[in-house]
Amino acid sequence: MQRVVQFMGLEPERLQARWVSGSEGPRFAEIINQVTEDIRALGPNRKLRDDA
């Protein structure tokens, strides 16, 4: 999947996969918050930034 993401012009770090059970609401929220922080830290997508 990371190759497809790179082919599309996105950094592979923008793709993250986790397994969370439906009964793990607090863990799900924690993972979503962490992924959001990770994506924000990357800033704008490199392709969009470099093509501008």
PDB file of N, CA and C in Angstrom:
ATOM      1  N   MET A   1       0.824  -1.193   0.000  1.00  0.00           N
ATOM      2  CA  MET A   1       0.000   0.000   0.000  1.00  0.00           C
ATOM      3  C   MET A   1       0.868   1.257   0.000  1.00  0.00           C
ATOM      4  N   GLN A   2       2.012   1.212   0.675  1.00  0.00           N
ATOM      5  CA  GLN A   2       2.864   2.404   0.715  1.00  0.00           C
ATOM      6  C   GLN A   2       3.366   2.772  -0.677  1.00  0.00           C
ATOM      7  N   ARG A   3       3.604   1.782  -1.533  1.00  0.00           N
ATOM      8  CA  ARG A   3       4.020   2.094  -2.910  1.00  0.00           C
ATOM      9  C   ARG A   3       2.913   2.830  -3.662  1.00  0.00           C
ATOM     10  N   VAL A   4       1.683   2.415  -3.443  1.00  0.00           N
ATOM     11  CA  VAL A   4       0.546   3.086  -4.089  1.00  0.00           C
ATOM     12  C   VAL A   4       0.453   4.525  -3.589  1.00  0.00           C
ATOM     13  N   VAL A   5       0.617   4.704  -2.292  1.00  0.00           N
ATOM     14  CA  VAL A   5       0.566   6.044  -1.710  1.00  0.00           C
ATOM     15  C   VAL A   5       1.671   6.912  -2.316  1.00  0.00           C
ATOM     16  N   GLN A   6       2.876   6.368  -2.434  1.00  0.00           N
ATOM     17  CA  GLN A   6       3.977   7.123  -3.046  1.00  0.00           C
ATOM     18  C   GLN A   6       3.679   7.430  -4.515  1.00  0.00           C
ATOM     19  N   PHE A   7       3.130   6.463  -5.243  1.00  0.00           N
ATOM     20  CA  PHE A   7       2.778   6.675  -6.643  1.00  0.00           C
ATOM     21  C   PHE A   7       1.787   7.823  -6.784  1.00  0.00           C
ATOM     22  N   MET A   8       0.892   7.943  -5.806  1.00  0.00           N
ATOM     23  CA  MET A   8      -0.097   9.016  -5.822  1.00  0.00           C
ATOM     24  C   MET A   8       0.510  10.362  -5.440  1.00  0.00           C
ATOM     25  N   GLY A   9       1.770  10.368  -5.017  1.00  0.00           N
ATOM     26  CA  GLY A   9       2.425  11.619  -4.679  1.00  0.00           C
ATOM     27  C   GLY A   9       2.336  11.981  -3.209  1.00  0.00           C
ATOM     28  N   LEU A  10       2.000  11.020  -2.368  1.00  0.00           N
ATOM     29  CA  LEU A  10       1.902  11.267  -0.936  1.00  0.00           C
ATOM     30  C   LEU A  10       3.085  10.630  -0.215  1.00  0.00           C
ATOM     31  N   GLU A  11       3.467  11.198   0.911  1.00  0.00           N
ATOM     32  CA  GLU A  11       4.505  10.581   1.717  1.00  0.00           C
ATOM     33  C   GLU A  11       3.943   9.317   2.354  1.00  0.00           C
ATOM     34  N   PRO A  12       4.703   8.230   2.376  1.00  0.00           N
ATOM     35  CA  PRO A  12       4.185   6.988   2.952  1.00  0.00           C
ATOM     36  C   PRO A  12       3.843   7.110   4.436  1.00  0.00           C
ATOM     37  N   GLU A  13       4.422   8.071   5.131  1.00  0.00           N
ATOM     38  CA  GLU A  13       4.114   8.275   6.551  1.00  0.00           C
ATOM     39  C   GLU A  13       2.669   8.709   6.773  1.00  0.00           C
ATOM     40  N   ARG A  14       2.012   9.144   5.702  1.00  0.00           N
ATOM     41  CA  ARG A  14       0.616   9.582   5.830  1.00  0.00           C
ATOM     42  C   ARG A  14      -0.358   8.404   5.887  1.00  0.00           C
ATOM     43  N   LEU A  15       0.121   7.213   5.589  1.00  0.00           N
ATOM     44  CA  LEU A  15      -0.712   6.019   5.658  1.00  0.00           C
ATOM     45  C   LEU A  15      -0.348   5.248   6.921  1.00  0.00           C
ATOM     46  N   GLN A  16      -1.317   5.060   7.775  1.00  0.00           N
ATOM     47  CA  GLN A  16      -1.113   4.287   8.995  1.00  0.00           C
ATOM     48  C   GLN A  16      -2.284   3.326   9.142  1.00  0.00           C
ATOM     49  N   ALA A  17      -2.001   2.120   9.575  1.00  0.00           N
ATOM     50  CA  ALA A  17      -3.050   1.125   9.790  1.00  0.00           C
ATOM     51  C   ALA A  17      -2.938   0.587  11.207  1.00  0.00           C
ATOM     52  N   ARG A  18      -4.048   0.500  11.877  1.00  0.00           N
ATOM     53  CA  ARG A  18      -4.103  -0.033  13.241  1.00  0.00           C
ATOM     54  C   ARG A  18      -5.330  -0.928  13.361  1.00  0.00           C
ATOM     55  N   TRP A  19      -5.269  -1.905  14.236  1.00  0.00           N
ATOM     56  CA  TRP A  19      -6.438  -2.722  14.532  1.00  0.00           C
ATOM     57  C   TRP A  19      -6.991  -2.274  15.871  1.00  0.00           C
ATOM     58  N   VAL A  20      -8.266  -1.952  15.893  1.00  0.00           N
ATOM     59  CA  VAL A  20      -8.932  -1.553  17.124  1.00  0.00           C
ATOM     60  C   VAL A  20     -10.285  -2.242  17.150  1.00  0.00           C
ATOM     61  N   SER A  21     -10.573  -2.916  18.245  1.00  0.00           N
ATOM     62  CA  SER A  21     -11.859  -3.578  18.424  1.00  0.00           C
ATOM     63  C   SER A  21     -12.948  -2.533  18.656  1.00  0.00           C
ATOM     64  N   GLY A  22     -14.159  -2.883  18.314  1.00  0.00           N
ATOM     65  CA  GLY A  22     -15.292  -1.987  18.535  1.00  0.00           C
ATOM     66  C   GLY A  22     -15.522  -1.671  20.008  1.00  0.00           C
ATOM     67  N   SER A  23     -14.989  -2.507  20.871  1.00  0.00           N
ATOM     68  CA  SER A  23     -15.177  -2.288  22.306  1.00  0.00           C
ATOM     69  C   SER A  23     -14.061  -1.451  22.925  1.00  0.00           C
ATOM     70  N   GLU A  24     -13.137  -0.949  22.098  1.00  0.00           N
ATOM     71  CA  GLU A  24     -11.992  -0.186  22.604  1.00  0.00           C
ATOM     72  C   GLU A  24     -12.113   1.301  22.264  1.00  0.00           C
ATOM     73  N   GLY A  25     -13.203   1.914  22.689  1.00  0.00           N
ATOM     74  CA  GLY A  25     -13.443   3.322  22.384  1.00  0.00           C
ATOM     75  C   GLY A  25     -12.322   4.252  22.823  1.00  0.00           C
ATOM     76  N   PRO A  26     -11.859   4.165  24.068  1.00  0.00           N
ATOM     77  CA  PRO A  26     -10.773   5.052  24.505  1.00  0.00           C
ATOM     78  C   PRO A  26      -9.482   4.837  23.709  1.00  0.00           C
ATOM     79  N   ARG A  27      -9.177   3.580  23.400  1.00  0.00           N
ATOM     80  CA  ARG A  27      -7.966   3.309  22.605  1.00  0.00           C
ATOM     81  C   ARG A  27      -8.116   3.881  21.196  1.00  0.00           C
ATOM     82  N   PHE A  28      -9.305   3.748  20.612  1.00  0.00           N
ATOM     83  CA  PHE A  28      -9.571   4.306  19.296  1.00  0.00           C
ATOM     84  C   PHE A  28      -9.342   5.818  19.298  1.00  0.00           C
ATOM     85  N   ALA A  29      -9.881   6.496  20.302  1.00  0.00           N
ATOM     86  CA  ALA A  29      -9.713   7.944  20.399  1.00  0.00           C
ATOM     87  C   ALA A  29      -8.234   8.312  20.536  1.00  0.00           C
ATOM     88  N   GLU A  30      -7.497   7.553  21.324  1.00  0.00           N
ATOM     89  CA  GLU A  30      -6.062   7.812  21.498  1.00  0.00           C
ATOM     90  C   GLU A  30      -5.308   7.654  20.181  1.00  0.00           C
ATOM     91  N   ILE A  31      -5.633   6.602  19.437  1.00  0.00           N
ATOM     92  CA  ILE A  31      -4.968   6.368  18.151  1.00  0.00           C
ATOM     93  C   ILE A  31      -5.300   7.475  17.165  1.00  0.00           C
ATOM     94  N   ILE A  32      -6.559   7.885  17.100  1.00  0.00           N
ATOM     95  CA  ILE A  32      -6.963   8.953  16.179  1.00  0.00           C
ATOM     96  C   ILE A  32      -6.234  10.246  16.518  1.00  0.00           C
ATOM     97  N   ASN A  33      -6.145  10.562  17.794  1.00  0.00           N
ATOM     98  CA  ASN A  33      -5.426  11.774  18.204  1.00  0.00           C
ATOM     99  C   ASN A  33      -3.957  11.700  17.816  1.00  0.00           C
ATOM    100  N   GLN A  34      -3.324  10.542  18.000  1.00  0.00           N
ATOM    101  CA  GLN A  34      -1.911  10.391  17.650  1.00  0.00           C
ATOM    102  C   GLN A  34      -1.692  10.507  16.145  1.00  0.00           C
ATOM    103  N   VAL A  35      -2.549   9.856  15.365  1.00  0.00           N
ATOM    104  CA  VAL A  35      -2.430   9.934  13.905  1.00  0.00           C
ATOM    105  C   VAL A  35      -2.619  11.378  13.438  1.00  0.00           C
ATOM    106  N   THR A  36      -3.574  12.068  14.022  1.00  0.00           N
ATOM    107  CA  THR A  36      -3.801  13.473  13.671  1.00  0.00           C
ATOM    108  C   THR A  36      -2.572  14.313  13.970  1.00  0.00           C
ATOM    109  N   GLU A  37      -1.958  14.109  15.126  1.00  0.00           N
ATOM    110  CA  GLU A  37      -0.728  14.841  15.471  1.00  0.00           C
ATOM    111  C   GLU A  37       0.381  14.519  14.480  1.00  0.00           C
ATOM    112  N   ASP A  38       0.527  13.243  14.134  1.00  0.00           N
ATOM    113  CA  ASP A  38       1.574  12.831  13.189  1.00  0.00           C
ATOM    114  C   ASP A  38       1.397  13.512  11.836  1.00  0.00           C
ATOM    115  N   ILE A  39       0.171  13.545  11.341  1.00  0.00           N
ATOM    116  CA  ILE A  39      -0.106  14.154  10.035  1.00  0.00           C
ATOM    117  C   ILE A  39       0.127  15.666  10.090  1.00  0.00           C
ATOM    118  N   ARG A  40      -0.317  16.307  11.142  1.00  0.00           N
ATOM    119  CA  ARG A  40      -0.082  17.750  11.277  1.00  0.00           C
ATOM    120  C   ARG A  40       1.409  18.071  11.329  1.00  0.00           C
ATOM    121  N   ALA A  41       2.182  17.215  11.995  1.00  0.00           N
ATOM    122  CA  ALA A  41       3.628  17.429  12.092  1.00  0.00           C
ATOM    123  C   ALA A  41       4.293  17.327  10.718  1.00  0.00           C
ATOM    124  N   LEU A  42       3.727  16.523   9.824  1.00  0.00           N
ATOM    125  CA  LEU A  42       4.282  16.418   8.472  1.00  0.00           C
ATOM    126  C   LEU A  42       4.050  17.693   7.665  1.00  0.00           C
ATOM    127  N   GLY A  43       3.014  18.434   8.005  1.00  0.00           N
ATOM    128  CA  GLY A  43       2.703  19.652   7.264  1.00  0.00           C
ATOM    129  C   GLY A  43       2.036  19.329   5.942  1.00  0.00           C
ATOM    130  N   PRO A  44       2.000  20.303   5.044  1.00  0.00           N
ATOM    131  CA  PRO A  44       1.368  20.068   3.741  1.00  0.00           C
ATOM    132  C   PRO A  44       2.057  18.931   2.994  1.00  0.00           C
ATOM    133  N   ASN A  45       1.278  18.259   2.173  1.00  0.00           N
ATOM    134  CA  ASN A  45       1.840  17.173   1.367  1.00  0.00           C
ATOM    135  C   ASN A  45       2.988  17.690   0.514  1.00  0.00           C
ATOM    136  N   ARG A  46       4.060  16.930   0.470  1.00  0.00           N
ATOM    137  CA  ARG A  46       5.278  17.330  -0.255  1.00  0.00           C
ATOM    138  C   ARG A  46       4.988  17.668  -1.716  1.00  0.00           C
ATOM    139  N   LYS A  47       4.179  16.858  -2.387  1.00  0.00           N
ATOM    140  CA  LYS A  47       3.881  17.104  -3.796  1.00  0.00           C
ATOM    141  C   LYS A  47       3.177  18.438  -3.977  1.00  0.00           C
ATOM    142  N   LEU A  48       2.203  18.721  -3.147  1.00  0.00           N
ATOM    143  CA  LEU A  48       1.504  20.001  -3.254  1.00  0.00           C
ATOM    144  C   LEU A  48       2.433  21.150  -2.915  1.00  0.00           C
ATOM    145  N   ARG A  49       3.289  20.947  -1.924  1.00  0.00           N
ATOM    146  CA  ARG A  49       4.222  21.985  -1.492  1.00  0.00           C
ATOM    147  C   ARG A  49       5.264  22.252  -2.573  1.00  0.00           C
ATOM    148  N   ASP A  50       5.810  21.188  -3.195  1.00  0.00           N
ATOM    149  CA  ASP A  50       6.873  21.341  -4.196  1.00  0.00           C
ATOM    150  C   ASP A  50       6.362  21.829  -5.535  1.00  0.00           C
ATOM    151  N   ASP A  51       5.096  21.526  -5.865  1.00  0.00           N
ATOM    152  CA  ASP A  51       4.534  21.946  -7.146  1.00  0.00           C
ATOM    153  C   ASP A  51       4.075  23.399  -7.125  1.00  0.00           C
ATOM    154  N   ALA A  52       3.958  23.978  -5.953  1.00  0.00           N
ATOM    155  CA  ALA A  52       3.447  25.340  -5.844  1.00  0.00           C
ATOM    156  C   ALA A  52       4.432  26.369  -6.336  1.00  0.00           C
TER     157      ALA A  52
END
